[in-house]
Amino acid sequence: MELIVECYSGYTYAQEPRAFIWRGRRYVVQEVERTWRTPEGLHFLVCTEEGGFFELAYDEAGDIWSMKEC
């Protein structure tokens, strides 16, 4: 599964996801519901314009994004 995340990066990389492409479809993030940090990196619970909820996670050491549908 290829996942591409478009994110806002101000003072650091991956401050806030703005959109992501999954299975050839682009999803626009309407709202970031929650953000938290684990030892691996940042996690974001997002709601898309279509009303779907997804957890996006950025593994800082591996420089890899992952996603799961909620």
PDB file of N, CA and C in Angstrom:
ATOM      1  N   MET A   1       0.855  -1.189   0.000  1.00  0.00           N
ATOM      2  CA  MET A   1       0.000   0.000   0.000  1.00  0.00           C
ATOM      3  C   MET A   1       0.886   1.232   0.000  1.00  0.00           C
ATOM      4  N   GLU A   2       0.747   2.041  -1.032  1.00  0.00           N
ATOM      5  CA  GLU A   2       1.518   3.273  -1.079  1.00  0.00           C
ATOM      6  C   GLU A   2       0.699   4.401  -0.470  1.00  0.00           C
ATOM      7  N   LEU A   3       1.332   5.109   0.448  1.00  0.00           N
ATOM      8  CA  LEU A   3       0.696   6.230   1.126  1.00  0.00           C
ATOM      9  C   LEU A   3       1.586   7.446   0.956  1.00  0.00           C
ATOM     10  N   ILE A   4       1.017   8.513   0.448  1.00  0.00           N
ATOM     11  CA  ILE A   4       1.728   9.778   0.310  1.00  0.00           C
ATOM     12  C   ILE A   4       0.985  10.805   1.147  1.00  0.00           C
ATOM     13  N   VAL A   5       1.693  11.464   2.050  1.00  0.00           N
ATOM     14  CA  VAL A   5       1.071  12.461   2.929  1.00  0.00           C
ATOM     15  C   VAL A   5       1.610  13.841   2.590  1.00  0.00           C
ATOM     16  N   GLU A   6       0.704  14.777   2.371  1.00  0.00           N
ATOM     17  CA  GLU A   6       1.052  16.182   2.187  1.00  0.00           C
ATOM     18  C   GLU A   6       0.856  16.848   3.539  1.00  0.00           C
ATOM     19  N   CYS A   7       1.898  17.489   4.041  1.00  0.00           N
ATOM     20  CA  CYS A   7       1.765  18.063   5.380  1.00  0.00           C
ATOM     21  C   CYS A   7       2.357  19.461   5.451  1.00  0.00           C
ATOM     22  N   TYR A   8       1.882  20.199   6.422  1.00  0.00           N
ATOM     23  CA  TYR A   8       2.455  21.500   6.746  1.00  0.00           C
ATOM     24  C   TYR A   8       3.700  21.246   7.572  1.00  0.00           C
ATOM     25  N   SER A   9       4.772  21.912   7.182  1.00  0.00           N
ATOM     26  CA  SER A   9       6.024  21.803   7.926  1.00  0.00           C
ATOM     27  C   SER A   9       6.538  23.211   8.169  1.00  0.00           C
ATOM     28  N   GLY A  10       6.375  23.682   9.391  1.00  0.00           N
ATOM     29  CA  GLY A  10       6.837  25.013   9.763  1.00  0.00           C
ATOM     30  C   GLY A  10       8.220  24.923  10.362  1.00  0.00           C
ATOM     31  N   TYR A  11       8.290  24.875  11.669  1.00  0.00           N
ATOM     32  CA  TYR A  11       9.586  24.797  12.339  1.00  0.00           C
ATOM     33  C   TYR A  11      10.151  23.385  12.352  1.00  0.00           C
ATOM     34  N   THR A  12       9.322  22.363  12.116  1.00  0.00           N
ATOM     35  CA  THR A  12       9.785  20.974  11.985  1.00  0.00           C
ATOM     36  C   THR A  12       8.984  20.316  10.869  1.00  0.00           C
ATOM     37  N   TYR A  13       9.471  19.146  10.423  1.00  0.00           N
ATOM     38  CA  TYR A  13       8.752  18.403   9.395  1.00  0.00           C
ATOM     39  C   TYR A  13       7.529  17.722  10.012  1.00  0.00           C
ATOM     40  N   ALA A  14       6.506  17.605   9.229  1.00  0.00           N
ATOM     41  CA  ALA A  14       5.289  16.866   9.597  1.00  0.00           C
ATOM     42  C   ALA A  14       4.579  17.450  10.806  1.00  0.00           C
ATOM     43  N   GLN A  15       4.407  18.765  10.815  1.00  0.00           N
ATOM     44  CA  GLN A  15       3.673  19.379  11.923  1.00  0.00           C
ATOM     45  C   GLN A  15       2.188  19.067  11.864  1.00  0.00           C
ATOM     46  N   GLU A  16       1.638  19.026  10.639  1.00  0.00           N
ATOM     47  CA  GLU A  16       0.202  18.778  10.510  1.00  0.00           C
ATOM     48  C   GLU A  16      -0.114  18.275   9.114  1.00  0.00           C
ATOM     49  N   PRO A  17      -0.757  17.110   9.001  1.00  0.00           N
ATOM     50  CA  PRO A  17      -1.135  16.615   7.679  1.00  0.00           C
ATOM     51  C   PRO A  17      -2.262  17.453   7.079  1.00  0.00           C
ATOM     52  N   ARG A  18      -2.155  17.722   5.786  1.00  0.00           N
ATOM     53  CA  ARG A  18      -3.174  18.511   5.087  1.00  0.00           C
ATOM     54  C   ARG A  18      -3.988  17.652   4.122  1.00  0.00           C
ATOM     55  N   ALA A  19      -3.351  16.610   3.572  1.00  0.00           N
ATOM     56  CA  ALA A  19      -4.017  15.699   2.638  1.00  0.00           C
ATOM     57  C   ALA A  19      -3.162  14.444   2.532  1.00  0.00           C
ATOM     58  N   PHE A  20      -3.779  13.375   2.022  1.00  0.00           N
ATOM     59  CA  PHE A  20      -2.997  12.173   1.754  1.00  0.00           C
ATOM     60  C   PHE A  20      -3.578  11.432   0.565  1.00  0.00           C
ATOM     61  N   ILE A  21      -2.716  10.699  -0.106  1.00  0.00           N
ATOM     62  CA  ILE A  21      -3.109   9.911  -1.264  1.00  0.00           C
ATOM     63  C   ILE A  21      -2.948   8.452  -0.877  1.00  0.00           C
ATOM     64  N   TRP A  22      -4.042   7.708  -1.005  1.00  0.00           N
ATOM     65  CA  TRP A  22      -4.068   6.295  -0.641  1.00  0.00           C
ATOM     66  C   TRP A  22      -4.878   5.555  -1.684  1.00  0.00           C
ATOM     67  N   ARG A  23      -4.294   4.483  -2.207  1.00  0.00           N
ATOM     68  CA  ARG A  23      -4.945   3.678  -3.253  1.00  0.00           C
ATOM     69  C   ARG A  23      -5.378   4.528  -4.442  1.00  0.00           C
ATOM     70  N   GLY A  24      -4.523   5.488  -4.791  1.00  0.00           N
ATOM     71  CA  GLY A  24      -4.774   6.325  -5.958  1.00  0.00           C
ATOM     72  C   GLY A  24      -5.791   7.434  -5.769  1.00  0.00           C
ATOM     73  N   ARG A  25      -6.276   7.612  -4.573  1.00  0.00           N
ATOM     74  CA  ARG A  25      -7.287   8.648  -4.293  1.00  0.00           C
ATOM     75  C   ARG A  25      -6.741   9.656  -3.300  1.00  0.00           C
ATOM     76  N   ARG A  26      -7.017  10.928  -3.549  1.00  0.00           N
ATOM     77  CA  ARG A  26      -6.556  12.002  -2.661  1.00  0.00           C
ATOM     78  C   ARG A  26      -7.657  12.348  -1.669  1.00  0.00           C
ATOM     79  N   TYR A  27      -7.296  12.355  -0.384  1.00  0.00           N
ATOM     80  CA  TYR A  27      -8.206  12.713   0.703  1.00  0.00           C
ATOM     81  C   TYR A  27      -7.718  14.021   1.318  1.00  0.00           C
ATOM     82  N   VAL A  28      -8.587  14.995   1.410  1.00  0.00           N
ATOM     83  CA  VAL A  28      -8.243  16.279   2.025  1.00  0.00           C
ATOM     84  C   VAL A  28      -8.632  16.234   3.500  1.00  0.00           C
ATOM     85  N   VAL A  29      -7.687  16.600   4.355  1.00  0.00           N
ATOM     86  CA  VAL A  29      -7.939  16.613   5.797  1.00  0.00           C
ATOM     87  C   VAL A  29      -8.761  17.853   6.127  1.00  0.00           C
ATOM     88  N   GLN A  30      -9.937  17.625   6.661  1.00  0.00           N
ATOM     89  CA  GLN A  30     -10.793  18.745   7.074  1.00  0.00           C
ATOM     90  C   GLN A  30     -10.368  19.241   8.448  1.00  0.00           C
ATOM     91  N   GLU A  31     -10.052  18.294   9.343  1.00  0.00           N
ATOM     92  CA  GLU A  31      -9.682  18.678  10.706  1.00  0.00           C
ATOM     93  C   GLU A  31      -8.770  17.615  11.318  1.00  0.00           C
ATOM     94  N   VAL A  32      -7.792  18.094  12.077  1.00  0.00           N
ATOM     95  CA  VAL A  32      -6.970  17.201  12.887  1.00  0.00           C
ATOM     96  C   VAL A  32      -7.652  17.133  14.252  1.00  0.00           C
ATOM     97  N   GLU A  33      -8.225  15.988  14.561  1.00  0.00           N
ATOM     98  CA  GLU A  33      -8.980  15.811  15.804  1.00  0.00           C
ATOM     99  C   GLU A  33      -8.069  15.668  17.023  1.00  0.00           C
ATOM    100  N   ARG A  34      -6.935  15.019  16.826  1.00  0.00           N
ATOM    101  CA  ARG A  34      -6.031  14.743  17.955  1.00  0.00           C
ATOM    102  C   ARG A  34      -4.622  14.512  17.425  1.00  0.00           C
ATOM    103  N   THR A  35      -3.630  14.947  18.196  1.00  0.00           N
ATOM    104  CA  THR A  35      -2.219  14.719  17.881  1.00  0.00           C
ATOM    105  C   THR A  35      -1.547  14.182  19.123  1.00  0.00           C
ATOM    106  N   TRP A  36      -0.698  13.161  18.949  1.00  0.00           N
ATOM    107  CA  TRP A  36       0.059  12.646  20.087  1.00  0.00           C
ATOM    108  C   TRP A  36       1.381  12.085  19.599  1.00  0.00           C
ATOM    109  N   ARG A  37       2.296  11.925  20.524  1.00  0.00           N
ATOM    110  CA  ARG A  37       3.631  11.431  20.220  1.00  0.00           C
ATOM    111  C   ARG A  37       3.857  10.110  20.932  1.00  0.00           C
ATOM    112  N   THR A  38       4.481   9.177  20.220  1.00  0.00           N
ATOM    113  CA  THR A  38       4.922   7.912  20.788  1.00  0.00           C
ATOM    114  C   THR A  38       6.449   7.875  20.625  1.00  0.00           C
ATOM    115  N   PRO A  39       7.121   6.869  21.174  1.00  0.00           N
ATOM    116  CA  PRO A  39       8.571   6.789  20.966  1.00  0.00           C
ATOM    117  C   PRO A  39       8.956   6.721  19.477  1.00  0.00           C
ATOM    118  N   GLU A  40       8.065   6.203  18.631  1.00  0.00           N
ATOM    119  CA  GLU A  40       8.368   6.094  17.210  1.00  0.00           C
ATOM    120  C   GLU A  40       8.180   7.414  16.467  1.00  0.00           C
ATOM    121  N   GLY A  41       7.244   8.242  16.924  1.00  0.00           N
ATOM    122  CA  GLY A  41       6.992   9.499  16.221  1.00  0.00           C
ATOM    123  C   GLY A  41       5.604  10.043  16.469  1.00  0.00           C
ATOM    124  N   LEU A  42       5.171  10.896  15.549  1.00  0.00           N
ATOM    125  CA  LEU A  42       3.897  11.601  15.683  1.00  0.00           C
ATOM    126  C   LEU A  42       2.736  10.787  15.130  1.00  0.00           C
ATOM    127  N   HIS A  43       1.574  10.958  15.767  1.00  0.00           N
ATOM    128  CA  HIS A  43       0.328  10.342  15.313  1.00  0.00           C
ATOM    129  C   HIS A  43      -0.732  11.439  15.223  1.00  0.00           C
ATOM    130  N   PHE A  44      -1.588  11.314  14.217  1.00  0.00           N
ATOM    131  CA  PHE A  44      -2.652  12.285  13.997  1.00  0.00           C
ATOM    132  C   PHE A  44      -3.949  11.545  13.725  1.00  0.00           C
ATOM    133  N   LEU A  45      -4.989  11.881  14.453  1.00  0.00           N
ATOM    134  CA  LEU A  45      -6.329  11.402  14.146  1.00  0.00           C
ATOM    135  C   LEU A  45      -6.977  12.502  13.320  1.00  0.00           C
ATOM    136  N   VAL A  46      -7.309  12.179  12.062  1.00  0.00           N
ATOM    137  CA  VAL A  46      -7.832  13.195  11.159  1.00  0.00           C
ATOM    138  C   VAL A  46      -9.212  12.815  10.647  1.00  0.00           C
ATOM    139  N   CYS A  47      -9.976  13.843  10.313  1.00  0.00           N
ATOM    140  CA  CYS A  47     -11.278  13.684   9.670  1.00  0.00           C
ATOM    141  C   CYS A  47     -11.139  14.284   8.272  1.00  0.00           C
ATOM    142  N   THR A  48     -11.570  13.539   7.258  1.00  0.00           N
ATOM    143  CA  THR A  48     -11.470  14.032   5.884  1.00  0.00           C
ATOM    144  C   THR A  48     -12.733  14.797   5.493  1.00  0.00           C
ATOM    145  N   GLU A  49     -12.663  15.473   4.361  1.00  0.00           N
ATOM    146  CA  GLU A  49     -13.823  16.222   3.869  1.00  0.00           C
ATOM    147  C   GLU A  49     -15.025  15.319   3.637  1.00  0.00           C
ATOM    148  N   GLU A  50     -14.769  14.042   3.327  1.00  0.00           N
ATOM    149  CA  GLU A  50     -15.856  13.088   3.098  1.00  0.00           C
ATOM    150  C   GLU A  50     -16.438  12.542   4.397  1.00  0.00           C
ATOM    151  N   GLY A  51     -15.816  12.872   5.537  1.00  0.00           N
ATOM    152  CA  GLY A  51     -16.317  12.415   6.822  1.00  0.00           C
ATOM    153  C   GLY A  51     -15.648  11.169   7.360  1.00  0.00           C
ATOM    154  N   GLY A  52     -14.629  10.670   6.675  1.00  0.00           N
ATOM    155  CA  GLY A  52     -13.908   9.500   7.156  1.00  0.00           C
ATOM    156  C   GLY A  52     -12.884   9.862   8.219  1.00  0.00           C
ATOM    157  N   PHE A  53     -12.613   8.932   9.117  1.00  0.00           N
ATOM    158  CA  PHE A  53     -11.607   9.133  10.157  1.00  0.00           C
ATOM    159  C   PHE A  53     -10.446   8.178   9.923  1.00  0.00           C
ATOM    160  N   PHE A  54      -9.232   8.725  10.017  1.00  0.00           N
ATOM    161  CA  PHE A  54      -8.021   7.960   9.780  1.00  0.00           C
ATOM    162  C   PHE A  54      -6.969   8.346  10.814  1.00  0.00           C
ATOM    163  N   GLU A  55      -6.136   7.389  11.152  1.00  0.00           N
ATOM    164  CA  GLU A  55      -4.968   7.676  11.990  1.00  0.00           C
ATOM    165  C   GLU A  55      -3.747   7.641  11.086  1.00  0.00           C
ATOM    166  N   LEU A  56      -3.073   8.775  10.998  1.00  0.00           N
ATOM    167  CA  LEU A  56      -1.833   8.872  10.245  1.00  0.00           C
ATOM    168  C   LEU A  56      -0.688   8.887  11.243  1.00  0.00           C
ATOM    169  N   ALA A  57       0.346   8.102  10.976  1.00  0.00           N
ATOM    170  CA  ALA A  57       1.489   8.025  11.886  1.00  0.00           C
ATOM    171  C   ALA A  57       2.772   8.241  11.097  1.00  0.00           C
ATOM    172  N   TYR A  58       3.651   9.063  11.642  1.00  0.00           N
ATOM    173  CA  TYR A  58       4.935   9.330  10.996  1.00  0.00           C
ATOM    174  C   TYR A  58       6.050   8.742  11.840  1.00  0.00           C
ATOM    175  N   ASP A  59       6.725   7.734  11.312  1.00  0.00           N
ATOM    176  CA  ASP A  59       7.881   7.103  11.960  1.00  0.00           C
ATOM    177  C   ASP A  59       9.099   7.966  11.635  1.00  0.00           C
ATOM    178  N   GLU A  60       9.556   8.724  12.609  1.00  0.00           N
ATOM    179  CA  GLU A  60      10.635   9.675  12.371  1.00  0.00           C
ATOM    180  C   GLU A  60      11.953   9.001  12.018  1.00  0.00           C
ATOM    181  N   ALA A  61      12.279   7.900  12.671  1.00  0.00           N
ATOM    182  CA  ALA A  61      13.555   7.220  12.408  1.00  0.00           C
ATOM    183  C   ALA A  61      13.577   6.625  11.003  1.00  0.00           C
ATOM    184  N   GLY A  62      12.471   6.055  10.585  1.00  0.00           N
ATOM    185  CA  GLY A  62      12.394   5.424   9.275  1.00  0.00           C
ATOM    186  C   GLY A  62      11.949   6.351   8.164  1.00  0.00           C
ATOM    187  N   ASP A  63      11.494   7.571   8.534  1.00  0.00           N
ATOM    188  CA  ASP A  63      10.962   8.549   7.577  1.00  0.00           C
ATOM    189  C   ASP A  63       9.846   7.920   6.739  1.00  0.00           C
ATOM    190  N   ILE A  64       8.917   7.239   7.445  1.00  0.00           N
ATOM    191  CA  ILE A  64       7.836   6.517   6.772  1.00  0.00           C
ATOM    192  C   ILE A  64       6.491   6.879   7.412  1.00  0.00           C
ATOM    193  N   TRP A  65       5.507   7.127   6.556  1.00  0.00           N
ATOM    194  CA  TRP A  65       4.137   7.351   6.999  1.00  0.00           C
ATOM    195  C   TRP A  65       3.370   6.026   6.952  1.00  0.00           C
ATOM    196  N   SER A  66       2.453   5.844   7.890  1.00  0.00           N
ATOM    197  CA  SER A  66       1.519   4.719   7.844  1.00  0.00           C
ATOM    198  C   SER A  66       0.135   5.249   8.188  1.00  0.00           C
ATOM    199  N   MET A  67      -0.879   4.449   7.865  1.00  0.00           N
ATOM    200  CA  MET A  67      -2.249   4.909   8.053  1.00  0.00           C
ATOM    201  C   MET A  67      -3.138   3.729   8.394  1.00  0.00           C
ATOM    202  N   LYS A  68      -4.131   3.982   9.220  1.00  0.00           N
ATOM    203  CA  LYS A  68      -5.180   3.006   9.430  1.00  0.00           C
ATOM    204  C   LYS A  68      -6.508   3.726   9.489  1.00  0.00           C
ATOM    205  N   GLU A  69      -7.527   3.079   8.929  1.00  0.00           N
ATOM    206  CA  GLU A  69      -8.865   3.644   8.925  1.00  0.00           C
ATOM    207  C   GLU A  69      -9.514   3.386  10.269  1.00  0.00           C
ATOM    208  N   CYS A  70     -10.178   4.391  10.803  1.00  0.00           N
ATOM    209  CA  CYS A  70     -10.809   4.263  12.126  1.00  0.00           C
ATOM    210  C   CYS A  70     -12.306   4.103  11.999  1.00  0.00           C
TER     211      CYS A  70
END
